N, C-alpha and C. Protein backbone atom coordinates (compact mmCIF):
# COMPACT_ATOMS: atom_id res chain seq x y z
N MET A 1 183.66 239.13 -5.33
CA MET A 1 183.20 238.51 -4.08
C MET A 1 184.40 238.01 -3.28
N LYS A 2 184.38 238.27 -1.99
CA LYS A 2 185.49 237.86 -1.14
C LYS A 2 185.48 236.35 -0.90
N ASN A 3 186.68 235.78 -0.72
CA ASN A 3 186.78 234.37 -0.35
C ASN A 3 187.86 234.22 0.71
N THR A 4 187.96 233.02 1.24
CA THR A 4 188.91 232.78 2.33
C THR A 4 190.11 231.96 1.88
N CYS A 5 190.44 232.06 0.60
CA CYS A 5 191.57 231.30 0.07
C CYS A 5 192.61 232.19 -0.60
N ASP A 6 192.43 233.50 -0.56
CA ASP A 6 193.34 234.36 -1.32
C ASP A 6 194.23 235.21 -0.41
N LYS A 7 195.15 235.94 -1.04
CA LYS A 7 196.13 236.74 -0.32
C LYS A 7 195.46 237.86 0.48
N ALA A 8 194.36 238.39 -0.02
CA ALA A 8 193.66 239.47 0.69
C ALA A 8 193.16 238.99 2.06
N TYR A 9 192.65 237.78 2.10
CA TYR A 9 192.19 237.20 3.37
C TYR A 9 193.36 237.00 4.32
N LEU A 10 194.48 236.50 3.78
CA LEU A 10 195.68 236.33 4.61
C LEU A 10 196.15 237.68 5.17
N ASP A 11 196.20 238.69 4.32
CA ASP A 11 196.62 240.01 4.78
C ASP A 11 195.75 240.50 5.93
N TYR A 12 194.47 240.25 5.83
CA TYR A 12 193.53 240.64 6.89
C TYR A 12 193.82 239.86 8.18
N LEU A 13 193.97 238.55 8.05
CA LEU A 13 194.22 237.72 9.23
C LEU A 13 195.52 238.10 9.93
N GLU A 14 196.52 238.46 9.14
CA GLU A 14 197.83 238.74 9.72
C GLU A 14 197.85 240.02 10.56
N THR A 15 196.81 240.80 10.48
CA THR A 15 196.72 241.98 11.38
C THR A 15 196.40 241.55 12.81
N PHE A 16 196.02 240.28 12.98
CA PHE A 16 195.65 239.78 14.31
C PHE A 16 196.78 238.96 14.96
N ILE A 17 197.92 238.80 14.27
CA ILE A 17 199.05 238.09 14.85
C ILE A 17 200.28 239.02 14.84
N THR A 18 201.29 238.64 15.60
CA THR A 18 202.49 239.48 15.67
C THR A 18 203.32 239.35 14.40
N GLU A 19 204.13 240.34 14.14
CA GLU A 19 205.01 240.32 12.98
C GLU A 19 206.00 239.17 13.08
N SER A 20 206.48 238.89 14.26
CA SER A 20 207.45 237.80 14.43
C SER A 20 206.83 236.45 14.14
N ARG A 21 205.57 236.27 14.50
CA ARG A 21 204.89 235.01 14.21
C ARG A 21 204.69 234.86 12.70
N LYS A 22 204.30 235.95 12.06
CA LYS A 22 204.14 235.94 10.60
C LYS A 22 205.46 235.56 9.92
N GLU A 23 206.56 236.19 10.34
CA GLU A 23 207.86 235.91 9.74
C GLU A 23 208.31 234.48 10.01
N ASN A 24 207.96 233.96 11.18
CA ASN A 24 208.33 232.59 11.53
C ASN A 24 207.60 231.59 10.64
N PHE A 25 206.33 231.84 10.38
CA PHE A 25 205.58 230.98 9.47
C PHE A 25 206.25 230.93 8.10
N ILE A 26 206.60 232.10 7.57
CA ILE A 26 207.23 232.18 6.25
C ILE A 26 208.54 231.42 6.23
N LYS A 27 209.34 231.61 7.29
CA LYS A 27 210.65 230.95 7.37
C LYS A 27 210.50 229.43 7.43
N ILE A 28 209.59 228.95 8.26
CA ILE A 28 209.41 227.51 8.42
C ILE A 28 208.88 226.87 7.14
N LEU A 29 207.96 227.57 6.46
CA LEU A 29 207.38 227.02 5.24
C LEU A 29 208.39 226.90 4.11
N GLN A 30 209.47 227.66 4.17
CA GLN A 30 210.53 227.52 3.17
C GLN A 30 211.22 226.17 3.26
N ASN A 31 211.08 225.51 4.41
CA ASN A 31 211.73 224.21 4.61
C ASN A 31 210.73 223.05 4.64
N ARG A 32 209.47 223.34 4.37
CA ARG A 32 208.47 222.28 4.32
C ARG A 32 208.51 221.58 2.96
N THR A 33 208.14 220.29 2.96
CA THR A 33 208.13 219.55 1.71
C THR A 33 206.96 218.57 1.67
N LYS A 34 206.47 218.33 0.46
CA LYS A 34 205.52 217.25 0.20
C LYS A 34 206.15 216.23 -0.76
N HIS A 35 207.45 216.39 -0.99
CA HIS A 35 208.17 215.45 -1.86
C HIS A 35 208.11 214.06 -1.25
N PHE A 36 208.20 214.01 0.08
CA PHE A 36 208.00 212.76 0.81
C PHE A 36 206.76 212.89 1.68
N ALA A 37 206.04 211.79 1.82
CA ALA A 37 204.94 211.70 2.77
C ALA A 37 205.21 210.49 3.66
N ILE A 38 204.71 210.54 4.87
CA ILE A 38 204.88 209.42 5.81
C ILE A 38 203.53 208.77 6.04
N ALA A 39 203.52 207.44 6.13
CA ALA A 39 202.28 206.71 6.42
C ALA A 39 202.55 205.70 7.52
N ILE A 40 201.65 205.65 8.50
CA ILE A 40 201.77 204.67 9.58
C ILE A 40 200.49 203.84 9.62
N GLU A 41 200.68 202.56 9.86
CA GLU A 41 199.57 201.61 9.70
C GLU A 41 199.23 200.95 11.03
N ASP A 42 198.01 201.22 11.51
CA ASP A 42 197.47 200.55 12.69
C ASP A 42 198.42 200.54 13.88
N VAL A 43 198.87 201.72 14.26
CA VAL A 43 199.74 201.84 15.44
C VAL A 43 198.85 201.93 16.68
N PHE A 44 198.93 200.93 17.55
CA PHE A 44 198.05 200.86 18.71
C PHE A 44 198.46 201.84 19.80
N GLN A 45 199.77 201.99 20.03
CA GLN A 45 200.23 202.84 21.12
C GLN A 45 200.25 204.30 20.68
N LEU A 46 199.44 205.11 21.32
CA LEU A 46 199.24 206.49 20.90
C LEU A 46 200.52 207.33 20.97
N HIS A 47 201.38 207.03 21.92
CA HIS A 47 202.60 207.84 22.06
C HIS A 47 203.50 207.67 20.84
N ASN A 48 203.41 206.51 20.17
CA ASN A 48 204.20 206.31 18.96
C ASN A 48 203.65 207.15 17.81
N THR A 49 202.33 207.22 17.69
CA THR A 49 201.72 208.08 16.68
C THR A 49 202.14 209.53 16.89
N SER A 50 202.07 209.96 18.13
CA SER A 50 202.46 211.33 18.48
C SER A 50 203.93 211.59 18.17
N ALA A 51 204.77 210.62 18.47
CA ALA A 51 206.21 210.78 18.23
C ALA A 51 206.51 210.90 16.74
N VAL A 52 205.86 210.09 15.91
CA VAL A 52 206.08 210.16 14.47
C VAL A 52 205.58 211.51 13.94
N MET A 53 204.47 211.97 14.46
CA MET A 53 203.93 213.27 14.07
C MET A 53 204.92 214.39 14.38
N ARG A 54 205.49 214.36 15.56
CA ARG A 54 206.48 215.38 15.94
C ARG A 54 207.72 215.29 15.07
N THR A 55 208.15 214.07 14.73
CA THR A 55 209.32 213.91 13.86
C THR A 55 209.05 214.51 12.49
N CYS A 56 207.86 214.27 11.95
CA CYS A 56 207.50 214.89 10.66
C CYS A 56 207.61 216.41 10.76
N GLU A 57 207.08 216.96 11.83
CA GLU A 57 207.08 218.42 12.00
C GLU A 57 208.50 218.96 12.12
N VAL A 58 209.32 218.32 12.92
CA VAL A 58 210.68 218.78 13.17
C VAL A 58 211.52 218.78 11.89
N PHE A 59 211.33 217.77 11.05
CA PHE A 59 212.15 217.65 9.85
C PHE A 59 211.45 218.15 8.59
N GLY A 60 210.30 218.79 8.76
CA GLY A 60 209.68 219.50 7.66
C GLY A 60 208.83 218.69 6.70
N VAL A 61 208.44 217.48 7.09
CA VAL A 61 207.55 216.68 6.24
C VAL A 61 206.11 217.10 6.54
N GLN A 62 205.42 217.61 5.54
CA GLN A 62 204.13 218.24 5.77
C GLN A 62 202.97 217.26 5.91
N GLN A 63 203.09 216.07 5.32
CA GLN A 63 201.96 215.15 5.30
C GLN A 63 202.24 213.85 6.05
N LEU A 64 201.35 213.56 7.01
CA LEU A 64 201.36 212.29 7.73
C LEU A 64 200.04 211.59 7.45
N ASN A 65 200.11 210.36 7.00
CA ASN A 65 198.92 209.57 6.69
C ASN A 65 198.78 208.46 7.73
N VAL A 66 197.60 208.36 8.31
CA VAL A 66 197.37 207.43 9.40
C VAL A 66 196.25 206.47 9.02
N VAL A 67 196.56 205.16 9.01
CA VAL A 67 195.56 204.13 8.75
C VAL A 67 195.03 203.64 10.09
N GLU A 68 193.70 203.62 10.23
CA GLU A 68 193.07 203.22 11.50
C GLU A 68 192.12 202.06 11.29
N GLU A 69 192.57 201.07 10.53
CA GLU A 69 191.70 199.96 10.14
C GLU A 69 191.36 199.05 11.31
N LYS A 70 192.36 198.71 12.12
CA LYS A 70 192.15 197.74 13.21
C LYS A 70 191.60 198.36 14.48
N TYR A 71 192.11 199.53 14.83
CA TYR A 71 191.82 200.07 16.15
C TYR A 71 190.86 201.25 16.15
N GLY A 72 190.34 201.60 14.97
CA GLY A 72 189.38 202.69 14.92
C GLY A 72 190.02 204.04 15.17
N LYS A 73 189.18 205.04 15.37
CA LYS A 73 189.68 206.41 15.52
C LYS A 73 190.08 206.67 16.97
N ARG A 74 191.22 206.10 17.34
CA ARG A 74 191.69 206.19 18.72
C ARG A 74 192.64 207.36 18.95
N ILE A 75 193.01 208.07 17.90
CA ILE A 75 194.06 209.08 18.07
C ILE A 75 193.52 210.50 18.19
N ASP A 76 192.21 210.64 18.38
CA ASP A 76 191.62 211.97 18.44
C ASP A 76 192.26 212.85 19.50
N LYS A 77 192.36 212.35 20.73
CA LYS A 77 192.93 213.16 21.80
C LYS A 77 194.39 213.46 21.54
N GLU A 78 195.11 212.48 21.04
CA GLU A 78 196.54 212.67 20.77
C GLU A 78 196.73 213.74 19.70
N ILE A 79 195.91 213.67 18.67
CA ILE A 79 196.00 214.65 17.59
C ILE A 79 195.64 216.03 18.11
N ALA A 80 194.68 216.11 19.01
CA ALA A 80 194.24 217.41 19.53
C ALA A 80 195.33 218.10 20.34
N LEU A 81 196.28 217.34 20.84
CA LEU A 81 197.31 217.91 21.72
C LEU A 81 198.67 218.08 21.04
N GLY A 82 198.84 217.53 19.86
CA GLY A 82 200.19 217.42 19.30
C GLY A 82 200.55 218.40 18.22
N ALA A 83 201.48 217.97 17.40
CA ALA A 83 202.04 218.81 16.35
C ALA A 83 201.13 218.90 15.14
N GLN A 84 199.90 218.39 15.24
CA GLN A 84 198.99 218.39 14.11
C GLN A 84 198.60 219.79 13.66
N LYS A 85 198.82 220.79 14.51
CA LYS A 85 198.55 222.16 14.09
C LYS A 85 199.41 222.54 12.90
N TRP A 86 200.58 221.93 12.80
CA TRP A 86 201.56 222.31 11.79
C TRP A 86 201.80 221.23 10.74
N VAL A 87 201.24 220.03 10.95
CA VAL A 87 201.39 218.92 10.01
C VAL A 87 200.00 218.53 9.51
N ASP A 88 199.88 218.21 8.23
CA ASP A 88 198.60 217.76 7.68
C ASP A 88 198.45 216.28 7.97
N VAL A 89 197.47 215.93 8.79
CA VAL A 89 197.23 214.53 9.14
C VAL A 89 196.04 214.03 8.33
N ASN A 90 196.31 213.10 7.43
CA ASN A 90 195.27 212.49 6.60
C ASN A 90 194.93 211.13 7.18
N ARG A 91 193.67 210.94 7.51
CA ARG A 91 193.27 209.70 8.20
C ARG A 91 192.45 208.81 7.27
N PHE A 92 192.74 207.50 7.33
CA PHE A 92 192.09 206.55 6.44
C PHE A 92 191.54 205.37 7.24
N ALA A 93 190.35 204.90 6.84
CA ALA A 93 189.74 203.76 7.52
C ALA A 93 190.35 202.44 7.06
N THR A 94 190.94 202.44 5.87
CA THR A 94 191.55 201.20 5.36
C THR A 94 192.89 201.49 4.70
N THR A 95 193.73 200.48 4.68
CA THR A 95 195.02 200.58 4.00
C THR A 95 194.82 200.79 2.51
N THR A 96 193.82 200.13 1.95
CA THR A 96 193.52 200.26 0.53
C THR A 96 193.27 201.71 0.15
N ASN A 97 192.44 202.39 0.93
CA ASN A 97 192.12 203.79 0.65
C ASN A 97 193.36 204.67 0.74
N CYS A 98 194.20 204.39 1.72
CA CYS A 98 195.41 205.18 1.92
C CYS A 98 196.35 205.03 0.72
N ILE A 99 196.60 203.80 0.32
CA ILE A 99 197.50 203.56 -0.81
C ILE A 99 196.94 204.14 -2.10
N ASP A 100 195.64 203.95 -2.32
CA ASP A 100 195.01 204.49 -3.52
C ASP A 100 195.17 206.00 -3.59
N ASP A 101 194.95 206.67 -2.46
CA ASP A 101 195.05 208.13 -2.41
C ASP A 101 196.48 208.59 -2.71
N LEU A 102 197.45 207.93 -2.10
CA LEU A 102 198.85 208.33 -2.29
C LEU A 102 199.32 208.06 -3.72
N LYS A 103 198.91 206.93 -4.28
CA LYS A 103 199.30 206.63 -5.67
C LYS A 103 198.67 207.65 -6.62
N ALA A 104 197.42 208.05 -6.34
CA ALA A 104 196.74 209.03 -7.19
C ALA A 104 197.46 210.38 -7.16
N LYS A 105 198.15 210.65 -6.06
CA LYS A 105 198.90 211.91 -5.93
C LYS A 105 200.31 211.80 -6.52
N GLY A 106 200.64 210.64 -7.05
CA GLY A 106 201.93 210.48 -7.72
C GLY A 106 203.06 209.95 -6.85
N TYR A 107 202.73 209.43 -5.68
CA TYR A 107 203.77 208.90 -4.79
C TYR A 107 204.08 207.43 -5.09
N ARG A 108 205.35 207.07 -5.03
CA ARG A 108 205.74 205.67 -4.97
C ARG A 108 205.46 205.19 -3.55
N ILE A 109 205.03 203.95 -3.42
CA ILE A 109 204.79 203.37 -2.10
C ILE A 109 206.05 202.60 -1.68
N ILE A 110 206.66 203.05 -0.58
CA ILE A 110 207.89 202.44 -0.09
C ILE A 110 207.64 201.82 1.29
N ALA A 111 207.86 200.54 1.39
CA ALA A 111 207.65 199.83 2.66
C ALA A 111 208.96 199.69 3.41
N THR A 112 208.96 200.07 4.67
CA THR A 112 210.15 199.86 5.51
C THR A 112 210.07 198.45 6.08
N THR A 113 211.15 197.70 5.89
CA THR A 113 211.16 196.30 6.30
C THR A 113 212.60 195.82 6.41
N PRO A 114 212.87 194.87 7.31
CA PRO A 114 214.22 194.29 7.39
C PRO A 114 214.45 193.21 6.35
N HIS A 115 213.56 193.12 5.37
CA HIS A 115 213.67 192.10 4.31
C HIS A 115 215.04 192.16 3.65
N GLU A 116 215.59 191.01 3.32
CA GLU A 116 216.95 190.94 2.79
C GLU A 116 217.13 191.69 1.46
N GLU A 117 216.07 191.76 0.66
CA GLU A 117 216.18 192.40 -0.64
C GLU A 117 215.90 193.91 -0.59
N SER A 118 215.74 194.43 0.61
CA SER A 118 215.43 195.84 0.74
C SER A 118 216.61 196.72 0.36
N CYS A 119 216.29 197.92 -0.10
CA CYS A 119 217.32 198.91 -0.38
C CYS A 119 217.80 199.52 0.94
N MET A 120 219.10 199.63 1.12
CA MET A 120 219.64 200.26 2.32
C MET A 120 219.33 201.76 2.31
N LEU A 121 219.12 202.30 3.50
CA LEU A 121 218.68 203.68 3.65
C LEU A 121 219.56 204.67 2.89
N ASP A 122 220.88 204.55 3.02
CA ASP A 122 221.78 205.50 2.36
C ASP A 122 221.77 205.38 0.84
N ASP A 123 221.28 204.26 0.34
CA ASP A 123 221.23 204.04 -1.11
C ASP A 123 219.86 204.36 -1.71
N PHE A 124 218.93 204.76 -0.86
CA PHE A 124 217.56 205.01 -1.32
C PHE A 124 217.51 206.20 -2.28
N ASP A 125 216.83 206.03 -3.40
CA ASP A 125 216.71 207.07 -4.42
C ASP A 125 215.70 208.12 -3.97
N ILE A 126 216.18 209.33 -3.69
CA ILE A 126 215.32 210.40 -3.19
C ILE A 126 214.75 211.27 -4.31
N SER A 127 215.07 210.96 -5.55
CA SER A 127 214.71 211.86 -6.65
C SER A 127 213.21 211.85 -6.96
N GLN A 128 212.53 210.76 -6.67
CA GLN A 128 211.10 210.67 -6.98
C GLN A 128 210.26 210.81 -5.71
N PRO A 129 209.08 211.44 -5.82
CA PRO A 129 208.19 211.54 -4.66
C PRO A 129 207.86 210.15 -4.12
N ALA A 130 207.90 210.00 -2.79
CA ALA A 130 207.67 208.70 -2.19
C ALA A 130 206.90 208.82 -0.89
N ALA A 131 206.02 207.85 -0.65
CA ALA A 131 205.31 207.73 0.62
C ALA A 131 205.94 206.57 1.36
N ILE A 132 206.54 206.86 2.51
CA ILE A 132 207.25 205.85 3.30
C ILE A 132 206.30 205.26 4.34
N PHE A 133 206.08 203.96 4.26
CA PHE A 133 205.17 203.26 5.18
C PHE A 133 205.93 202.62 6.33
N PHE A 134 205.39 202.82 7.54
CA PHE A 134 205.95 202.20 8.74
C PHE A 134 204.87 201.36 9.42
N GLY A 135 205.25 200.17 9.88
CA GLY A 135 204.34 199.32 10.64
C GLY A 135 204.79 199.23 12.09
N THR A 136 204.15 198.37 12.84
CA THR A 136 204.53 198.22 14.25
C THR A 136 205.76 197.32 14.36
N GLU A 137 206.43 197.41 15.50
CA GLU A 137 207.65 196.63 15.71
C GLU A 137 207.36 195.13 15.69
N LYS A 138 206.23 194.72 16.30
CA LYS A 138 205.92 193.30 16.39
C LYS A 138 205.32 192.75 15.10
N MET A 139 204.33 193.47 14.56
CA MET A 139 203.57 192.96 13.43
C MET A 139 204.12 193.39 12.08
N GLY A 140 204.85 194.50 12.04
CA GLY A 140 205.34 195.01 10.77
C GLY A 140 204.20 195.55 9.93
N LEU A 141 204.41 195.63 8.63
CA LEU A 141 203.39 196.13 7.72
C LEU A 141 202.46 195.01 7.25
N SER A 142 201.28 195.40 6.81
CA SER A 142 200.30 194.41 6.34
C SER A 142 200.74 193.80 5.01
N GLU A 143 200.13 192.69 4.68
CA GLU A 143 200.42 192.03 3.39
C GLU A 143 200.08 192.95 2.23
N GLU A 144 199.01 193.73 2.39
CA GLU A 144 198.61 194.61 1.29
C GLU A 144 199.69 195.64 0.97
N VAL A 145 200.27 196.25 2.00
CA VAL A 145 201.34 197.22 1.76
C VAL A 145 202.51 196.54 1.09
N MET A 146 202.88 195.37 1.59
CA MET A 146 204.03 194.66 1.03
C MET A 146 203.80 194.27 -0.43
N GLU A 147 202.57 193.88 -0.75
CA GLU A 147 202.26 193.45 -2.11
C GLU A 147 202.16 194.63 -3.08
N ARG A 148 201.69 195.78 -2.58
CA ARG A 148 201.46 196.93 -3.47
C ARG A 148 202.64 197.92 -3.46
N ALA A 149 203.64 197.62 -2.67
CA ALA A 149 204.79 198.53 -2.57
C ALA A 149 205.57 198.58 -3.89
N ASP A 150 206.06 199.77 -4.19
CA ASP A 150 206.90 199.96 -5.37
C ASP A 150 208.37 199.75 -5.04
N GLY A 151 208.68 199.70 -3.75
CA GLY A 151 210.05 199.50 -3.32
C GLY A 151 210.10 199.25 -1.82
N PHE A 152 211.28 198.84 -1.34
CA PHE A 152 211.45 198.51 0.08
C PHE A 152 212.67 199.23 0.63
N LEU A 153 212.62 199.54 1.89
CA LEU A 153 213.67 200.33 2.52
C LEU A 153 214.08 199.69 3.84
N LYS A 154 215.40 199.64 4.06
CA LYS A 154 215.92 198.96 5.24
C LYS A 154 216.93 199.85 5.95
N ILE A 155 216.80 199.93 7.27
CA ILE A 155 217.77 200.65 8.09
C ILE A 155 218.91 199.68 8.42
N PRO A 156 220.15 200.02 8.10
CA PRO A 156 221.26 199.10 8.41
C PRO A 156 221.45 198.95 9.92
N MET A 157 221.50 197.71 10.38
CA MET A 157 221.70 197.43 11.81
C MET A 157 222.78 196.37 11.96
N VAL A 158 223.63 196.51 12.96
CA VAL A 158 224.75 195.59 13.12
C VAL A 158 224.76 194.89 14.48
N GLY A 159 223.68 195.08 15.25
CA GLY A 159 223.60 194.44 16.56
C GLY A 159 222.78 193.17 16.54
N PHE A 160 222.44 192.65 17.72
CA PHE A 160 221.62 191.45 17.82
C PHE A 160 220.15 191.75 17.52
N THR A 161 219.73 192.95 17.85
CA THR A 161 218.33 193.33 17.64
C THR A 161 218.05 193.51 16.15
N GLU A 162 216.94 192.93 15.70
CA GLU A 162 216.61 192.97 14.28
C GLU A 162 215.54 193.99 13.92
N SER A 163 214.97 194.66 14.91
CA SER A 163 213.94 195.64 14.61
C SER A 163 214.01 196.79 15.61
N LEU A 164 213.41 197.92 15.21
CA LEU A 164 213.37 199.10 16.05
C LEU A 164 211.92 199.50 16.30
N ASN A 165 211.69 200.21 17.37
CA ASN A 165 210.39 200.80 17.62
C ASN A 165 210.04 201.73 16.46
N ILE A 166 208.76 201.84 16.11
CA ILE A 166 208.34 202.65 14.97
C ILE A 166 208.78 204.10 15.08
N SER A 167 208.75 204.66 16.28
CA SER A 167 209.14 206.07 16.43
C SER A 167 210.63 206.24 16.17
N SER A 168 211.44 205.27 16.58
CA SER A 168 212.87 205.32 16.32
C SER A 168 213.16 205.14 14.83
N SER A 169 212.50 204.18 14.21
CA SER A 169 212.69 203.93 12.79
C SER A 169 212.32 205.16 11.96
N ALA A 170 211.17 205.73 12.28
CA ALA A 170 210.70 206.90 11.53
C ALA A 170 211.67 208.06 11.67
N ALA A 171 212.17 208.29 12.87
CA ALA A 171 213.10 209.39 13.10
C ALA A 171 214.38 209.22 12.28
N ILE A 172 214.92 208.00 12.26
CA ILE A 172 216.15 207.73 11.51
C ILE A 172 215.94 207.94 10.02
N VAL A 173 214.86 207.38 9.49
CA VAL A 173 214.59 207.46 8.05
C VAL A 173 214.28 208.89 7.63
N ILE A 174 213.40 209.56 8.37
CA ILE A 174 212.99 210.92 7.99
C ILE A 174 214.17 211.88 8.04
N GLN A 175 215.00 211.78 9.07
CA GLN A 175 216.16 212.67 9.16
C GLN A 175 217.11 212.43 7.99
N ASN A 176 217.30 211.17 7.64
CA ASN A 176 218.23 210.84 6.56
C ASN A 176 217.74 211.37 5.21
N ILE A 177 216.52 211.07 4.86
CA ILE A 177 216.05 211.42 3.51
C ILE A 177 215.79 212.92 3.35
N THR A 178 215.36 213.58 4.42
CA THR A 178 215.14 215.03 4.30
C THR A 178 216.45 215.79 4.28
N SER A 179 217.44 215.30 5.00
CA SER A 179 218.75 215.94 4.98
C SER A 179 219.37 215.85 3.60
N ARG A 180 219.29 214.67 3.02
CA ARG A 180 219.83 214.49 1.67
C ARG A 180 219.03 215.28 0.64
N LEU A 181 217.74 215.36 0.84
CA LEU A 181 216.88 216.10 -0.10
C LEU A 181 217.27 217.57 -0.15
N ARG A 182 217.52 218.17 1.02
CA ARG A 182 217.84 219.60 1.07
C ARG A 182 219.21 219.92 0.49
N LYS A 183 220.06 218.92 0.42
CA LYS A 183 221.40 219.12 -0.16
C LYS A 183 221.40 218.85 -1.67
N SER A 184 220.27 218.40 -2.20
CA SER A 184 220.19 218.04 -3.62
C SER A 184 219.69 219.23 -4.44
N ASP A 185 219.63 219.02 -5.75
CA ASP A 185 219.09 220.05 -6.65
C ASP A 185 217.66 219.70 -7.08
N ILE A 186 217.03 218.81 -6.33
CA ILE A 186 215.64 218.42 -6.59
C ILE A 186 214.71 219.56 -6.15
N GLU A 187 213.65 219.78 -6.91
CA GLU A 187 212.66 220.79 -6.53
C GLU A 187 211.72 220.17 -5.49
N TRP A 188 212.06 220.36 -4.22
CA TRP A 188 211.36 219.68 -3.14
C TRP A 188 210.45 220.61 -2.32
N GLN A 189 210.58 221.91 -2.53
CA GLN A 189 209.82 222.84 -1.69
C GLN A 189 208.36 222.94 -2.10
N LEU A 190 207.55 223.48 -1.22
CA LEU A 190 206.14 223.70 -1.52
C LEU A 190 205.98 224.73 -2.63
N THR A 191 204.90 224.63 -3.39
CA THR A 191 204.61 225.62 -4.41
C THR A 191 204.13 226.91 -3.73
N GLU A 192 204.07 228.00 -4.48
CA GLU A 192 203.57 229.26 -3.92
C GLU A 192 202.13 229.10 -3.45
N GLU A 193 201.34 228.34 -4.20
CA GLU A 193 199.94 228.10 -3.82
C GLU A 193 199.86 227.31 -2.52
N GLU A 194 200.71 226.31 -2.38
CA GLU A 194 200.71 225.50 -1.15
C GLU A 194 201.17 226.32 0.04
N ILE A 195 202.14 227.20 -0.17
CA ILE A 195 202.61 228.07 0.91
C ILE A 195 201.51 229.01 1.35
N LEU A 196 200.80 229.60 0.41
CA LEU A 196 199.68 230.50 0.75
C LEU A 196 198.62 229.75 1.55
N GLU A 197 198.31 228.54 1.10
CA GLU A 197 197.31 227.73 1.79
C GLU A 197 197.70 227.47 3.23
N LYS A 198 198.98 227.11 3.46
CA LYS A 198 199.43 226.82 4.82
C LYS A 198 199.55 228.08 5.67
N ARG A 199 199.94 229.19 5.06
CA ARG A 199 200.00 230.45 5.83
C ARG A 199 198.61 230.82 6.34
N ILE A 200 197.61 230.65 5.49
CA ILE A 200 196.23 230.92 5.92
C ILE A 200 195.83 229.95 7.02
N ASP A 201 196.10 228.68 6.81
CA ASP A 201 195.74 227.64 7.78
C ASP A 201 196.40 227.90 9.13
N TRP A 202 197.70 228.13 9.15
CA TRP A 202 198.42 228.34 10.40
C TRP A 202 198.01 229.64 11.09
N THR A 203 197.75 230.66 10.30
CA THR A 203 197.32 231.93 10.89
C THR A 203 195.94 231.78 11.50
N ARG A 204 195.05 231.08 10.83
CA ARG A 204 193.72 230.82 11.40
C ARG A 204 193.82 230.08 12.73
N LYS A 205 194.72 229.11 12.80
CA LYS A 205 194.87 228.32 14.02
C LYS A 205 195.52 229.12 15.15
N SER A 206 196.04 230.31 14.83
CA SER A 206 196.70 231.14 15.83
C SER A 206 195.78 232.23 16.40
N ILE A 207 194.56 232.30 15.88
CA ILE A 207 193.66 233.40 16.24
C ILE A 207 192.44 232.86 16.98
N LYS A 208 192.16 233.43 18.13
CA LYS A 208 190.94 233.08 18.86
C LYS A 208 189.74 233.71 18.14
N ASP A 209 188.59 233.09 18.28
CA ASP A 209 187.36 233.59 17.65
C ASP A 209 187.52 233.76 16.14
N ILE A 210 188.22 232.81 15.52
CA ILE A 210 188.50 232.92 14.09
C ILE A 210 187.23 232.93 13.25
N ASP A 211 186.21 232.21 13.67
CA ASP A 211 184.96 232.19 12.90
C ASP A 211 184.30 233.57 12.90
N PHE A 212 184.31 234.22 14.05
CA PHE A 212 183.73 235.56 14.15
C PHE A 212 184.52 236.55 13.30
N ILE A 213 185.84 236.46 13.37
CA ILE A 213 186.70 237.37 12.61
C ILE A 213 186.53 237.15 11.10
N THR A 214 186.42 235.91 10.69
CA THR A 214 186.20 235.61 9.27
C THR A 214 184.84 236.14 8.81
N LYS A 215 183.84 235.97 9.64
CA LYS A 215 182.50 236.48 9.32
C LYS A 215 182.54 237.99 9.10
N LYS A 216 183.24 238.69 9.97
CA LYS A 216 183.37 240.15 9.83
C LYS A 216 184.09 240.52 8.53
N TYR A 217 185.10 239.74 8.17
CA TYR A 217 185.84 240.00 6.94
C TYR A 217 184.94 239.86 5.72
N LEU A 218 184.16 238.78 5.70
CA LEU A 218 183.29 238.52 4.55
C LEU A 218 182.16 239.53 4.45
N GLU A 219 181.81 240.15 5.58
CA GLU A 219 180.72 241.14 5.57
C GLU A 219 181.20 242.53 5.16
N GLN A 220 182.51 242.73 5.15
CA GLN A 220 183.04 244.04 4.76
C GLN A 220 182.71 244.34 3.31
N GLU A 221 182.52 245.61 3.01
CA GLU A 221 182.25 246.03 1.64
C GLU A 221 183.50 245.86 0.79
N VAL A 222 183.33 245.44 -0.41
CA VAL A 222 184.46 245.26 -1.33
C VAL A 222 184.94 246.61 -1.80
């Protein structure tokens, strides 16, 4: 019986996209990682959510986790227009649910904070999978994140300003840790199964009338 999760389905879908697009997907997926995940908590300004999403995409972080406890599901339009086609956006109604999910997947919870006891960015241990949490510039992270964190991370700053906008902080941290990760001997790349899953997902998102085309595929004789 045919299904929509195997290589045969991908081969069929790829007849509807250009060879260059297919090759670009393969090339980009070689640099994608789930070794790190990013989490943002109750970001009110939509442009900041969008900016963090784009930063994840640019530096190859596949998973962005968004907590919408205070402001509800306000990012629908932003997500519909942004880099979400290429990044997996996991949305949570509560911080508790987000942390529980990430811990169940084997991630350490790392809170970004200017706290004095925080680990400096360049000294951060990249060897273990970690979910990096970012809060707002004014409010920072919630007490729950701070209490349940397995570690803390600090961006070194030498000016009068003691905090950065979330989009700036995320860009600095993500660029640093992904750059170091790719220079290491850590197994950080996606598995073959994860690559197949994303190739199918991205190819589907590149085809108009995908539901009709999939229906035709499933109706074909084996």
